[in-house]
Amino acid sequence: MTILNRAIPLLCAASCSLLLATAATAQTAADAPAAKPAAAAAHPHKKGPGRTPGDRLQAICTAADLDHDGNVSLDEFHQDIVQSWHSLGPDASGHVVLLELAQVPRMGKGRIKRLAAADKDGDGKLSFKEVVEARMAYFEAADADNNDLLSVQECVAFEKKRRASKP
């Protein structure tokens, strides 16, 4: 059974539980890991003097590592997917329109490009399913030791490999 097949029931359960939580609680949980510096917590994607892709990945992984054990488990990853989805602000039809994201302040071109790559049907909108499939493909590819845990080192190594393979 693939990780994606195992992920769908967990994502449904996580979606239901997160929908019952208030938006403020979900946002606080997403932004409040203890080990993350305040500047990185507020804007993990923000570039600045001395910030490297490794720093960005460290901040992202730390935010998703809810139990602070140094790894992101599948359960933590699923919760991060759901929280990320809701932070994108899906419309009443359950989609996120890519052109509208381009108008959001601090929404970097790189992030929009990554989100656009998840739009597999090319309709200019993201569905929850498209986002889940893209994120789970990332997890599977980055999990080098296939232990269903992502370490910062695995994420950094995967990103270096991915960037090196770009033309």
Protein backbone atom coordinates (compact mmCIF):
# COMPACT_ATOMS: atom_id res chain seq x y z
CA MET A 1 0.00 0.00 0.00
CA THR A 2 1.45 3.40 -0.92
CA ILE A 3 1.78 6.28 1.47
CA LEU A 4 -0.92 8.13 -0.49
CA ASN A 5 -3.41 5.27 0.02
CA ARG A 6 -2.69 5.33 3.75
CA ALA A 7 -2.82 9.12 3.83
CA ILE A 8 -6.34 9.70 2.48
CA PRO A 9 -8.22 8.25 5.52
CA LEU A 10 -5.89 10.08 7.89
CA LEU A 11 -6.35 13.32 5.99
CA CYS A 12 -10.11 12.96 6.14
CA ALA A 13 -9.93 12.45 9.90
CA ALA A 14 -7.52 15.36 10.28
CA SER A 15 -9.73 17.55 8.10
CA CYS A 16 -12.78 16.84 10.24
CA SER A 17 -10.97 17.53 13.50
CA LEU A 18 -9.35 20.70 12.18
CA LEU A 19 -12.62 22.01 10.82
CA LEU A 20 -14.04 21.76 14.32
CA ALA A 21 -11.18 23.85 15.71
CA THR A 22 -11.30 27.59 15.40
CA ALA A 23 -9.20 29.30 12.75
CA ALA A 24 -7.31 31.18 15.45
CA THR A 25 -6.36 27.95 17.20
CA ALA A 26 -5.16 26.38 13.95
CA GLN A 27 -3.13 29.47 13.06
CA THR A 28 -1.59 29.64 16.52
CA ALA A 29 -0.64 25.96 16.36
CA ALA A 30 0.92 26.45 12.93
CA ASP A 31 2.92 29.51 13.97
CA ALA A 32 3.97 28.64 17.52
CA PRO A 33 6.63 25.93 17.64
CA ALA A 34 8.88 26.56 20.61
CA ALA A 35 12.23 26.06 18.89
CA LYS A 36 11.64 28.42 15.96
CA PRO A 37 13.01 31.97 15.97
CA ALA A 38 10.31 34.67 15.86
CA ALA A 39 11.34 36.04 12.46
CA ALA A 40 11.35 32.59 10.89
CA ALA A 41 8.03 31.72 12.54
CA ALA A 42 6.31 34.74 11.08
CA HIS A 43 7.63 34.29 7.55
CA PRO A 44 9.39 30.95 6.96
CA HIS A 45 9.47 31.63 3.20
CA LYS A 46 10.90 35.14 3.54
CA LYS A 47 14.39 35.67 2.21
CA GLY A 48 16.75 37.95 4.01
CA PRO A 49 20.39 38.59 4.71
CA GLY A 50 22.08 35.35 5.65
CA ARG A 51 18.96 33.23 5.02
CA THR A 52 19.61 30.08 3.03
CA PRO A 53 17.25 27.47 1.58
CA GLY A 54 18.37 25.27 4.48
CA ASP A 55 17.19 27.93 6.96
CA ARG A 56 13.82 28.09 5.20
CA LEU A 57 13.47 24.31 5.26
CA GLN A 58 14.52 24.24 8.91
CA ALA A 59 11.76 26.73 9.74
CA ILE A 60 9.15 24.83 7.71
CA CYS A 61 10.10 21.46 9.20
CA THR A 62 10.19 22.87 12.71
CA ALA A 63 6.70 24.30 12.23
CA ALA A 64 5.36 20.93 11.07
CA ASP A 65 7.17 18.99 13.84
CA LEU A 66 4.37 19.30 16.39
CA ASP A 67 5.91 16.99 19.00
CA HIS A 68 9.37 18.59 18.59
CA ASP A 69 11.19 15.28 18.19
CA GLY A 70 13.28 16.49 15.24
CA ASN A 71 11.24 14.61 12.61
CA VAL A 72 7.97 15.20 10.80
CA SER A 73 5.82 12.08 11.01
CA LEU A 74 3.13 11.23 8.49
CA ASP A 75 0.47 12.34 10.97
CA GLU A 76 2.21 15.69 11.51
CA PHE A 77 2.67 16.06 7.76
CA HIS A 78 -1.04 15.40 7.18
CA GLN A 79 -1.99 18.01 9.77
CA ASP A 80 0.36 20.48 8.08
CA ILE A 81 -1.27 19.79 4.70
CA VAL A 82 -4.73 20.51 6.10
CA GLN A 83 -3.59 23.67 7.89
CA SER A 84 -1.77 24.87 4.78
CA TRP A 85 -4.85 24.22 2.66
CA HIS A 86 -7.07 26.28 4.94
CA SER A 87 -4.50 29.08 5.06
CA LEU A 88 -4.78 29.34 1.25
CA GLY A 89 -8.47 30.24 1.69
CA PRO A 90 -10.41 27.90 -0.58
CA ASP A 91 -13.56 29.41 -2.10
CA ALA A 92 -17.12 28.14 -1.64
CA SER A 93 -16.56 25.49 -4.32
CA GLY A 94 -13.57 24.14 -2.40
CA HIS A 95 -10.91 25.46 -4.78
CA VAL A 96 -8.09 27.97 -4.62
CA VAL A 97 -7.79 30.15 -7.73
CA LEU A 98 -4.12 30.57 -8.65
CA LEU A 99 -4.55 34.05 -10.17
CA GLU A 100 -6.06 35.28 -6.92
CA LEU A 101 -3.07 33.96 -4.96
CA ALA A 102 -0.78 36.14 -7.05
CA GLN A 103 -2.56 39.18 -5.56
CA VAL A 104 -1.91 38.13 -1.95
CA PRO A 105 0.79 40.25 -0.27
CA ARG A 106 3.96 38.30 0.59
CA MET A 107 2.93 35.40 -1.66
CA GLY A 108 6.24 34.80 -3.39
CA LYS A 109 6.56 33.84 -7.04
CA GLY A 110 8.37 30.64 -6.06
CA ARG A 111 5.50 29.53 -3.85
CA ILE A 112 2.95 30.32 -6.56
CA LYS A 113 5.05 28.39 -9.05
CA ARG A 114 5.14 25.36 -6.72
CA LEU A 115 1.39 25.60 -6.18
CA ALA A 116 0.77 25.94 -9.92
CA ALA A 117 2.76 22.73 -10.48
CA ALA A 118 0.19 20.94 -8.31
CA ASP A 119 -2.61 22.01 -10.72
CA LYS A 120 -2.55 18.71 -12.62
CA ASP A 121 -5.72 19.33 -14.63
CA GLY A 122 -4.52 22.80 -15.70
CA ASP A 123 -7.78 24.56 -14.82
CA GLY A 124 -6.06 27.39 -12.94
CA LYS A 125 -7.56 26.19 -9.66
CA LEU A 126 -6.23 23.94 -6.95
CA SER A 127 -8.38 21.28 -5.36
CA PHE A 128 -7.61 19.75 -2.00
CA LYS A 129 -6.89 16.45 -3.77
CA GLU A 130 -4.30 18.09 -6.04
CA VAL A 131 -2.54 19.65 -3.06
CA VAL A 132 -2.56 16.39 -1.10
CA GLU A 133 -1.17 14.42 -4.04
CA ALA A 134 1.62 16.95 -4.63
CA ARG A 135 2.58 17.17 -0.97
CA MET A 136 2.51 13.39 -0.47
CA ALA A 137 4.68 12.92 -3.58
CA TYR A 138 7.17 15.30 -1.96
CA PHE A 139 7.08 13.34 1.31
CA GLU A 140 7.64 10.02 -0.48
CA ALA A 141 10.51 11.42 -2.56
CA ALA A 142 12.22 13.17 0.35
CA ASP A 143 11.90 10.25 2.79
CA ALA A 144 15.24 8.71 1.74
CA ASP A 145 15.27 5.98 4.40
CA ASN A 146 11.57 5.11 3.89
CA ASN A 147 10.78 5.24 7.61
CA ASP A 148 7.70 7.49 7.21
CA LEU A 149 9.53 10.31 9.01
CA LEU A 150 11.10 13.39 7.44
CA SER A 151 14.15 14.90 9.04
CA VAL A 152 15.46 18.34 8.19
CA GLN A 153 18.53 16.64 6.73
CA GLU A 154 16.36 14.57 4.37
CA CYS A 155 14.47 17.67 3.24
CA VAL A 156 17.66 19.66 2.66
CA ALA A 157 19.29 16.77 0.74
CA PHE A 158 16.17 16.30 -1.37
CA GLU A 159 15.96 20.03 -2.18
CA LYS A 160 19.64 20.14 -3.17
CA LYS A 161 19.15 17.13 -5.44
CA ARG A 162 15.95 18.61 -6.92
CA ARG A 163 17.59 21.98 -7.59
CA ALA A 164 20.67 20.37 -9.13
CA SER A 165 18.50 18.45 -11.57
CA LYS A 166 16.73 21.60 -12.84
CA PRO A 167 17.93 22.81 -16.24
